[in-house]
Amino acid sequence: MSRDELRRLVVEQQRSLSAAGLTAGGTLAVRLPPSLSCVVAMLAGWRGGAQVALLDYRLTTHEVGKAVARLAPQLVVEPVADVTGTLRGFFDVDARTTPLRGGRPAASDHVLLQLSSGSTGPSKVIGRTAGSLLTELDRYAALEGFPGRGERTVVLASIVHVLGLVGGLLHGLAAGSEVVLPARQTVDGILKAVAAGDRPTTILGVPSQAAVLAAARTPPRLPHLRRMITGGELVKESVRERFTTGYGAELGVMYGMTEAGVIATDLTGADRPALTPAPEMPVRVENGEILLGLPENPYVGLRDPTRYVEGWLRTKDAGTFDDATGLLTVHGRLDSQVSIGGLKVDLTEVEASICALPGVSEAVVVHGTGIEAFVMVDEQAVFDGLAGSVAARLAPYKRPRSLNLLTELPRTATGKPVRDAQVLRAAAKSAATPSPAHSHAAGETR
């Protein structure tokens, strides 16, 4: 689609929203799958001076109801019919605009409202001003190696969440690069989207999508694929090796959060696990915690007064900063450190040790009734021997009290693994019930 055609559709949609009662300073919720309708509705809302809240189309009716009650939009744009297709990356949908009773005008100057991923707890309402979004676009434009004019970005990350929205869609529009949303987010669908153009191409997604691509047995030759850039979680070293070897392309990483967008990057993978702070992003580490310099509190509604203090946002992420090189290393969540019998255990270390075992494809470690591990394996024999393998790598006080087999790892809408113990236990319970021999206590915690 050309920019002129997109502008024409946005102007038409703006007129339609205005006819439905939306004015400058009004509020609009967009709950659409990745589609032209979603892009047009969002841009039309902004063009009309409205505050736009983006809701993931995969939310349940109950979750949408809760979100609408919290955000109180005056209008909502949603699909006319139910949308299905878990592996679809792009939809052709008809949308309808519905006025909502009790909707309120914007109570702040935020132009964008988003809900946090909720990977470790209840979602928060996060607001971004026009200035905040423009500043982030400037940071992307200054990143050496990020797609620019005359290049293509195949966007796998959701366009209603910060990575796909700003790093993919908005940056592409601002920089003049082509934005591609694959029809299907299968290996074949992604690779077809990459192969469809003859310009330098970057894939933007999350680690789980990199793992899917890396698992392809005979990757095709894609001379225009420069690299894939992932955000969210760390990429397993085995995935990195398979991807870079199989495709002859780089695998870079980004560290960011909904509250601020892109924070630090290693676009080539050369400095792993260290990252370079993004241009003009103030970053420091205090008492082992990463802090970000932001001009305003990003949270809307209920706020934690200790989270944003005197211009600095506490990320709750652990990190170290190398003053000599200027590189930042992210070590995981601060709340991943727990006390077991008076001894400190870093759940990130336990999780990394389990993930490194042969045959373990995914693992999440949480602290609930003691340390609990939830794993996906290549074959049952790996799980049968997992307790012994873990015992050989970890001291007794670090070992999970229970190992739980999953057929699918629960993820947030942004692709991050869910780290809520109750959700994980429910997923393990709903999986195929293993025989007693397949349930192990990997070590008593004393």
Protein backbone atom coordinates (compact mmCIF):
# COMPACT_ATOMS: atom_id res chain seq x y z
CA MET A 1 0.00 0.00 0.00
CA SER A 2 1.29 3.46 -0.86
CA ARG A 3 1.47 6.29 1.65
CA ASP A 4 -1.00 8.35 -0.36
CA GLU A 5 -3.56 5.54 -0.21
CA LEU A 6 -2.99 5.13 3.54
CA ARG A 7 -3.50 8.88 4.08
CA ARG A 8 -6.76 8.77 2.12
CA LEU A 9 -8.10 5.91 4.25
CA VAL A 10 -7.05 7.65 7.47
CA VAL A 11 -8.86 10.86 6.48
CA GLU A 12 -12.01 8.87 5.67
CA GLN A 13 -11.84 7.05 9.00
CA GLN A 14 -11.30 10.31 10.86
CA ARG A 15 -14.50 11.69 9.32
CA SER A 16 -16.34 8.54 10.36
CA LEU A 17 -15.06 8.80 13.95
CA SER A 18 -16.00 12.46 14.06
CA ALA A 19 -19.51 11.61 12.89
CA ALA A 20 -19.71 9.08 15.74
CA GLY A 21 -18.93 11.83 18.24
CA LEU A 22 -15.15 11.76 18.64
CA THR A 23 -13.56 15.18 19.10
CA ALA A 24 -10.12 16.51 19.97
CA GLY A 25 -9.41 15.47 23.54
CA GLY A 26 -11.78 12.53 23.25
CA THR A 27 -10.96 8.87 23.92
CA LEU A 28 -10.92 5.93 21.54
CA ALA A 29 -10.20 2.24 22.21
CA VAL A 30 -8.99 0.12 19.28
CA ARG A 31 -9.43 -3.64 19.69
CA LEU A 32 -8.51 -5.09 16.32
CA PRO A 33 -6.12 -7.80 15.13
CA PRO A 34 -3.06 -6.81 13.08
CA SER A 35 -4.73 -5.42 9.99
CA LEU A 36 -5.11 -2.39 7.80
CA SER A 37 -8.26 -1.55 9.79
CA CYS A 38 -6.22 -1.45 13.01
CA VAL A 39 -3.54 0.85 11.56
CA VAL A 40 -6.09 3.18 9.98
CA ALA A 41 -8.25 3.45 13.13
CA MET A 42 -5.25 4.26 15.33
CA LEU A 43 -3.83 6.89 12.97
CA ALA A 44 -7.28 8.41 12.41
CA GLY A 45 -7.79 8.76 16.16
CA TRP A 46 -4.50 10.57 16.52
CA ARG A 47 -5.17 12.75 13.47
CA GLY A 48 -8.39 13.86 15.17
CA GLY A 49 -6.55 14.75 18.39
CA ALA A 50 -7.91 11.85 20.43
CA GLN A 51 -6.30 9.71 23.09
CA VAL A 52 -6.04 6.17 21.69
CA ALA A 53 -6.01 3.05 23.87
CA LEU A 54 -4.78 -0.12 22.17
CA LEU A 55 -6.27 -3.40 23.36
CA ASP A 56 -4.96 -6.76 22.23
CA TYR A 57 -7.61 -8.53 20.15
CA ARG A 58 -6.77 -11.82 21.90
CA LEU A 59 -8.16 -10.59 25.22
CA THR A 60 -11.24 -12.44 26.44
CA THR A 61 -14.60 -10.71 26.75
CA HIS A 62 -14.06 -10.60 30.51
CA GLU A 63 -10.62 -9.01 30.12
CA VAL A 64 -11.93 -6.48 27.60
CA GLY A 65 -14.71 -5.55 30.01
CA LYS A 66 -12.20 -4.94 32.80
CA ALA A 67 -9.97 -2.88 30.50
CA VAL A 68 -12.86 -0.75 29.25
CA ALA A 69 -14.00 -0.14 32.84
CA ARG A 70 -10.50 1.09 33.73
CA LEU A 71 -9.94 3.21 30.62
CA ALA A 72 -13.51 4.51 30.06
CA PRO A 73 -13.16 5.24 26.31
CA GLN A 74 -15.95 7.12 24.56
CA LEU A 75 -15.74 4.96 21.43
CA VAL A 76 -14.42 1.49 20.67
CA VAL A 77 -13.44 0.15 17.25
CA GLU A 78 -13.67 -3.65 17.06
CA PRO A 79 -14.27 -6.44 14.53
CA VAL A 80 -17.76 -6.91 13.16
CA ALA A 81 -17.33 -10.70 13.45
CA ASP A 82 -15.23 -12.94 15.70
CA VAL A 83 -11.59 -13.23 14.66
CA THR A 84 -9.83 -16.60 14.69
CA GLY A 85 -6.44 -17.89 13.63
CA THR A 86 -3.70 -18.14 16.22
CA LEU A 87 -0.84 -18.20 13.70
CA ARG A 88 -2.13 -15.48 11.42
CA GLY A 89 0.04 -12.38 11.25
CA PHE A 90 -2.30 -10.22 9.20
CA PHE A 91 -6.08 -10.12 8.95
CA ASP A 92 -8.60 -8.64 6.54
CA VAL A 93 -11.38 -7.52 8.87
CA ASP A 94 -14.42 -5.29 8.79
CA ALA A 95 -14.56 -2.97 11.79
CA ARG A 96 -17.39 -1.19 13.54
CA THR A 97 -17.35 1.85 15.80
CA THR A 98 -19.51 1.75 18.94
CA PRO A 99 -20.14 4.63 21.38
CA LEU A 100 -19.87 3.51 25.01
CA ARG A 101 -22.01 4.73 27.88
CA GLY A 102 -19.96 6.24 30.66
CA GLY A 103 -17.03 7.03 28.41
CA ARG A 104 -14.98 10.04 29.47
CA PRO A 105 -12.75 12.56 27.66
CA ALA A 106 -9.01 12.23 28.16
CA ALA A 107 -7.90 13.16 31.67
CA SER A 108 -4.27 13.67 30.62
CA ASP A 109 -2.21 14.72 27.61
CA HIS A 110 -1.22 11.13 26.80
CA VAL A 111 -1.96 10.26 23.18
CA LEU A 112 -1.45 6.53 23.69
CA LEU A 113 -2.60 4.20 26.46
CA GLN A 114 -1.35 0.63 26.68
CA LEU A 115 -1.63 -2.16 29.21
CA SER A 116 1.59 -3.74 30.45
CA SER A 117 2.22 -7.35 29.53
CA GLY A 118 1.21 -8.72 32.92
CA SER A 119 3.90 -11.41 32.83
CA THR A 120 4.56 -11.11 36.58
CA GLY A 121 1.31 -9.66 37.89
CA PRO A 122 -1.74 -7.48 37.09
CA SER A 123 -1.42 -5.19 34.08
CA LYS A 124 -0.72 -1.48 34.59
CA VAL A 125 -2.07 1.38 32.46
CA ILE A 126 0.85 3.11 30.78
CA GLY A 127 0.57 6.44 28.99
CA ARG A 128 2.80 7.91 26.29
CA THR A 129 2.72 11.55 25.19
CA ALA A 130 3.36 12.67 21.63
CA GLY A 131 6.74 13.95 22.81
CA SER A 132 7.61 10.57 24.31
CA LEU A 133 6.79 8.71 21.10
CA LEU A 134 8.67 11.20 18.92
CA THR A 135 11.71 10.94 21.19
CA GLU A 136 11.65 7.16 20.86
CA LEU A 137 11.40 7.44 17.07
CA ASP A 138 14.48 9.67 17.16
CA ARG A 139 16.30 6.97 19.14
CA TYR A 140 15.41 4.35 16.55
CA ALA A 141 16.51 6.64 13.72
CA ALA A 142 19.90 7.07 15.42
CA LEU A 143 20.48 3.32 15.83
CA GLU A 144 23.14 2.23 13.38
CA GLY A 145 21.91 -0.83 11.51
CA PHE A 146 18.18 -0.37 12.22
CA PRO A 147 16.07 -0.47 9.02
CA GLY A 148 15.93 2.84 7.15
CA ARG A 149 14.70 4.24 3.87
CA GLY A 150 14.84 1.72 1.04
CA GLU A 151 14.82 -1.26 3.43
CA ARG A 152 12.16 -3.66 4.69
CA THR A 153 11.05 -4.73 8.15
CA VAL A 154 9.10 -7.98 8.54
CA VAL A 155 7.21 -7.30 11.76
CA LEU A 156 6.29 -10.35 13.82
CA ALA A 157 5.86 -8.48 17.11
CA SER A 158 2.32 -7.30 17.86
CA ILE A 159 1.59 -3.83 16.48
CA VAL A 160 -0.52 -2.98 19.53
CA HIS A 161 2.47 -3.46 21.85
CA VAL A 162 5.50 -1.22 22.08
CA LEU A 163 8.08 -3.18 20.06
CA GLY A 164 5.90 -3.85 17.02
CA LEU A 165 4.06 -0.55 17.29
CA VAL A 166 6.97 1.90 17.60
CA GLY A 167 9.97 -0.15 16.44
CA GLY A 168 8.05 -1.70 13.57
CA LEU A 169 5.05 0.27 12.33
CA LEU A 170 5.68 3.87 13.42
CA HIS A 171 9.42 3.78 12.76
CA GLY A 172 8.76 2.36 9.29
CA LEU A 173 6.31 5.15 8.52
CA ALA A 174 8.68 7.79 9.90
CA ALA A 175 11.86 6.45 8.31
CA GLY A 176 10.39 5.57 4.93
CA SER A 177 11.08 1.85 5.15
CA GLU A 178 8.63 -0.82 4.03
CA VAL A 179 6.62 -2.51 6.79
CA VAL A 180 5.60 -6.11 6.11
CA LEU A 181 3.12 -8.10 8.20
CA PRO A 182 3.25 -11.79 7.15
CA ALA A 183 -0.07 -13.40 6.35
CA ARG A 184 0.89 -16.28 8.66
CA GLN A 185 3.45 -16.45 11.43
CA THR A 186 4.49 -19.99 10.62
CA VAL A 187 8.04 -20.74 9.47
CA ASP A 188 6.86 -20.90 5.84
CA GLY A 189 4.79 -17.73 6.19
CA ILE A 190 7.64 -15.73 7.70
CA LEU A 191 10.22 -16.95 5.20
CA LYS A 192 7.89 -16.22 2.27
CA ALA A 193 7.46 -12.67 3.55
CA VAL A 194 11.23 -12.25 3.77
CA ALA A 195 11.78 -13.69 0.30
CA ALA A 196 9.05 -11.56 -1.30
CA GLY A 197 11.24 -8.45 -1.54
CA ASP A 198 14.66 -7.68 -2.96
CA ARG A 199 15.66 -4.97 -0.47
CA PRO A 200 17.75 -5.43 2.71
CA THR A 201 15.37 -7.02 5.22
CA THR A 202 15.21 -7.17 9.00
CA ILE A 203 12.86 -9.41 11.02
CA LEU A 204 11.52 -7.84 14.22
CA GLY A 205 10.07 -10.26 16.76
CA VAL A 206 10.49 -12.08 20.06
CA PRO A 207 12.84 -14.90 21.13
CA SER A 208 10.22 -17.63 20.76
CA GLN A 209 9.81 -16.68 17.09
CA ALA A 210 13.58 -16.76 16.61
CA ALA A 211 13.55 -20.26 18.10
CA VAL A 212 10.87 -21.36 15.61
CA LEU A 213 12.91 -20.07 12.67
CA ALA A 214 16.13 -21.57 14.04
CA ALA A 215 14.46 -24.99 14.27
CA ALA A 216 13.96 -25.17 10.48
CA ARG A 217 15.95 -28.17 9.23
CA THR A 218 16.90 -26.77 5.84
CA PRO A 219 16.64 -22.96 5.89
CA PRO A 220 16.31 -21.47 2.40
CA ARG A 221 18.86 -19.09 0.97
CA LEU A 222 17.72 -15.53 1.77
CA PRO A 223 20.42 -13.18 0.50
CA HIS A 224 18.51 -10.04 1.48
CA LEU A 225 17.98 -11.07 5.12
CA ARG A 226 20.40 -8.96 7.16
CA ARG A 227 19.34 -9.87 10.66
CA MET A 228 16.59 -10.62 13.12
CA ILE A 229 16.16 -8.40 16.16
CA THR A 230 14.33 -9.74 19.20
CA GLY A 231 12.97 -8.03 22.29
CA GLY A 232 11.59 -9.36 25.55
CA GLU A 233 13.52 -12.30 26.94
CA LEU A 234 17.10 -13.47 26.46
CA VAL A 235 17.81 -15.71 23.47
CA LYS A 236 19.27 -19.13 24.20
CA GLU A 237 22.80 -19.53 22.88
CA SER A 238 21.82 -22.70 21.00
CA VAL A 239 19.08 -20.75 19.20
CA ARG A 240 21.53 -18.02 18.29
CA GLU A 241 24.00 -20.51 16.84
CA ARG A 242 21.37 -22.33 14.77
CA PHE A 243 19.86 -19.09 13.47
CA THR A 244 23.10 -17.35 12.49
CA THR A 245 24.54 -20.51 10.94
CA GLY A 246 21.37 -21.56 9.15
CA TYR A 247 20.49 -18.20 7.64
CA GLY A 248 23.87 -16.52 7.45
CA ALA A 249 22.32 -13.51 9.18
CA GLU A 250 22.86 -11.75 12.49
CA LEU A 251 20.63 -12.17 15.52
CA GLY A 252 20.46 -9.00 17.57
CA VAL A 253 18.63 -8.18 20.79
CA MET A 254 16.89 -5.20 22.31
CA TYR A 255 16.00 -4.35 25.88
CA GLY A 256 12.97 -2.17 26.41
CA MET A 257 9.73 -1.76 28.30
CA THR A 258 6.28 -0.41 27.57
CA GLU A 259 6.91 2.57 29.84
CA ALA A 260 9.83 3.90 27.78
CA GLY A 261 10.22 1.91 24.59
CA VAL A 262 13.71 0.92 23.44
CA ILE A 263 16.35 1.26 26.17
CA ALA A 264 19.47 -0.59 25.00
CA THR A 265 20.47 -2.74 22.03
CA ASP A 266 23.01 -5.11 20.54
CA LEU A 267 21.81 -5.27 16.96
CA THR A 268 24.61 -7.51 15.70
CA GLY A 269 24.99 -9.86 18.67
CA ALA A 270 28.65 -8.90 18.97
CA ASP A 271 28.57 -7.74 22.60
CA ARG A 272 26.28 -10.38 24.09
CA PRO A 273 25.14 -10.40 26.78
CA ALA A 274 25.98 -6.69 27.11
CA LEU A 275 23.97 -3.92 25.44
CA THR A 276 24.62 -0.35 24.37
CA PRO A 277 22.14 2.20 25.79
CA ALA A 278 20.02 3.69 23.02
CA PRO A 279 20.93 7.24 21.96
CA GLU A 280 19.68 9.93 24.38
CA MET A 281 18.32 7.33 26.82
CA PRO A 282 19.56 8.17 30.36
CA VAL A 283 20.39 4.87 32.09
CA ARG A 284 22.09 4.20 35.41
CA VAL A 285 22.32 1.35 37.90
CA GLU A 286 21.65 1.95 41.57
CA ASN A 287 22.00 -0.82 44.15
CA GLY A 288 21.90 -3.36 41.33
CA GLU A 289 18.69 -1.98 39.79
CA ILE A 290 18.41 -0.37 36.35
CA LEU A 291 16.96 3.14 36.45
CA LEU A 292 15.73 5.19 33.49
CA GLY A 293 15.63 8.96 33.24
CA LEU A 294 12.13 9.96 32.05
CA PRO A 295 10.60 13.46 31.96
CA GLU A 296 7.28 12.28 33.44
CA ASN A 297 5.60 9.44 35.29
CA PRO A 298 4.41 6.95 32.64
CA TYR A 299 1.65 5.41 34.78
CA VAL A 300 -1.98 6.44 34.53
CA GLY A 301 -4.46 6.01 37.37
CA LEU A 302 -3.24 4.07 40.40
CA ARG A 303 0.46 4.66 40.93
CA ASP A 304 3.22 3.30 43.12
CA PRO A 305 4.89 6.45 44.54
CA THR A 306 8.20 4.60 44.90
CA ARG A 307 8.38 3.56 41.23
CA TYR A 308 9.02 7.01 39.72
CA VAL A 309 11.00 9.43 41.87
CA GLU A 310 12.63 12.71 40.88
CA GLY A 311 12.75 11.95 37.19
CA TRP A 312 13.96 8.34 37.48
CA LEU A 313 11.89 5.22 36.83
CA ARG A 314 12.81 2.07 38.74
CA THR A 315 12.60 -0.76 36.23
CA LYS A 316 12.71 -3.59 38.80
CA ASP A 317 15.29 -5.19 36.50
CA ALA A 318 18.72 -6.18 37.83
CA GLY A 319 21.73 -4.97 35.92
CA THR A 320 25.34 -3.86 35.91
CA PHE A 321 26.92 -0.95 34.08
CA ASP A 322 30.49 -1.01 32.81
CA ASP A 323 31.79 2.55 33.05
CA ALA A 324 34.84 1.68 30.93
CA THR A 325 32.89 0.39 27.94
CA GLY A 326 29.55 2.11 28.53
CA LEU A 327 27.78 -1.25 28.18
CA LEU A 328 24.76 -2.36 30.18
CA THR A 329 24.14 -5.99 31.15
CA VAL A 330 20.63 -7.02 32.18
CA HIS A 331 20.50 -9.87 34.69
CA GLY A 332 16.74 -10.39 34.91
CA ARG A 333 14.06 -9.32 37.33
CA LEU A 334 15.04 -8.19 40.81
CA ASP A 335 12.19 -10.27 42.17
CA SER A 336 13.91 -13.37 40.77
CA GLN A 337 16.10 -13.41 43.91
CA VAL A 338 14.58 -15.47 46.72
CA SER A 339 15.76 -16.72 50.09
CA ILE A 340 15.82 -20.49 50.66
CA GLY A 341 16.72 -21.51 54.19
CA GLY A 342 18.59 -18.23 54.64
CA LEU A 343 20.54 -18.69 51.38
CA LYS A 344 20.00 -16.44 48.37
CA VAL A 345 18.96 -18.15 45.14
CA ASP A 346 18.71 -16.40 41.78
CA LEU A 347 15.84 -18.01 39.87
CA THR A 348 17.36 -16.71 36.65
CA GLU A 349 20.43 -18.86 37.27
CA VAL A 350 18.28 -21.92 37.97
CA GLU A 351 16.23 -21.32 34.84
CA ALA A 352 19.32 -20.83 32.67
CA SER A 353 20.85 -24.05 34.03
CA ILE A 354 17.74 -26.05 33.14
CA CYS A 355 17.39 -24.42 29.70
CA ALA A 356 21.00 -25.35 28.93
CA LEU A 357 20.31 -29.08 29.39
CA PRO A 358 20.17 -31.12 26.16
CA GLY A 359 16.60 -31.77 25.05
CA VAL A 360 15.04 -28.94 27.10
CA SER A 361 13.35 -26.55 24.68
CA GLU A 362 11.81 -24.10 27.18
CA ALA A 363 11.76 -23.61 30.94
CA VAL A 364 10.32 -21.16 33.44
CA VAL A 365 11.30 -21.19 37.11
CA VAL A 366 9.20 -19.43 39.76
CA HIS A 367 8.99 -19.32 43.52
CA GLY A 368 5.64 -20.47 44.82
CA THR A 369 5.55 -23.32 47.32
CA GLY A 370 9.31 -23.40 47.10
CA ILE A 371 11.15 -23.30 43.79
CA GLU A 372 9.06 -24.73 40.96
CA ALA A 373 10.20 -25.44 37.40
CA PHE A 374 7.92 -25.76 34.38
CA VAL A 375 9.57 -27.26 31.32
CA MET A 376 9.02 -28.27 27.71
CA VAL A 377 11.19 -31.08 26.37
CA ASP A 378 11.93 -32.65 23.02
CA GLU A 379 11.02 -36.16 24.20
CA GLN A 380 9.70 -37.89 27.30
CA ALA A 381 13.06 -39.51 28.09
CA VAL A 382 14.55 -36.07 28.70
CA PHE A 383 11.93 -35.33 31.35
CA ASP A 384 12.39 -38.78 32.90
CA GLY A 385 16.07 -38.00 33.51
CA LEU A 386 15.65 -34.32 34.30
CA ALA A 387 15.85 -34.60 38.09
CA GLY A 388 19.24 -36.31 37.86
CA SER A 389 20.52 -33.81 35.30
CA VAL A 390 19.47 -30.88 37.48
CA ALA A 391 21.07 -32.47 40.56
CA ALA A 392 24.38 -32.68 38.71
CA ARG A 393 24.32 -28.94 37.93
CA LEU A 394 22.79 -27.24 40.95
CA ALA A 395 23.44 -27.28 44.68
CA PRO A 396 20.65 -28.91 46.71
CA TYR A 397 19.23 -25.61 47.99
CA LYS A 398 18.95 -24.30 44.41
CA ARG A 399 17.10 -27.30 43.00
CA PRO A 400 13.38 -27.02 42.24
CA ARG A 401 11.12 -28.85 44.67
CA SER A 402 9.02 -29.87 41.67
CA LEU A 403 9.51 -30.32 37.95
CA ASN A 404 6.36 -29.91 35.87
CA LEU A 405 5.97 -30.98 32.25
CA LEU A 406 4.22 -28.62 29.84
CA THR A 407 3.14 -29.19 26.27
CA GLU A 408 2.94 -25.44 25.69
CA LEU A 409 4.41 -22.59 27.70
CA PRO A 410 1.83 -19.93 28.66
CA ARG A 411 2.79 -16.57 27.19
CA THR A 412 1.61 -13.00 27.42
CA ALA A 413 0.25 -11.19 24.38
CA THR A 414 3.76 -9.85 23.74
CA GLY A 415 5.28 -13.34 23.65
CA LYS A 416 6.91 -13.27 27.07
CA PRO A 417 6.64 -16.40 29.25
CA VAL A 418 4.08 -16.02 32.02
CA ARG A 419 5.72 -16.18 35.45
CA ASP A 420 2.61 -16.49 37.58
CA ALA A 421 2.82 -19.75 39.56
CA GLN A 422 -0.95 -20.33 39.57
CA VAL A 423 -1.23 -19.91 35.80
CA LEU A 424 1.70 -22.25 35.23
CA ARG A 425 0.30 -24.89 37.59
CA ALA A 426 -3.04 -24.74 35.78
CA ALA A 427 -1.26 -25.22 32.44
CA ALA A 428 0.64 -28.22 33.80
CA LYS A 429 -2.56 -29.71 35.18
CA SER A 430 -4.39 -29.32 31.88
CA ALA A 431 -1.54 -30.97 29.97
CA ALA A 432 -1.60 -34.72 29.48
CA THR A 433 -1.48 -36.27 32.93
CA PRO A 434 1.88 -38.01 33.32
CA SER A 435 2.33 -41.32 35.04
CA PRO A 436 3.70 -41.25 38.62
CA ALA A 437 7.19 -41.98 37.27
CA HIS A 438 7.07 -38.70 35.40
CA SER A 439 6.54 -36.49 38.45
CA HIS A 440 9.76 -35.75 40.26
CA ALA A 441 10.83 -33.88 43.33
CA ALA A 442 14.21 -32.58 42.22
CA GLY A 443 15.47 -31.93 45.73
CA GLU A 444 13.97 -31.05 49.10
CA THR A 445 14.49 -27.46 50.20
CA ARG A 446 15.63 -27.14 53.78
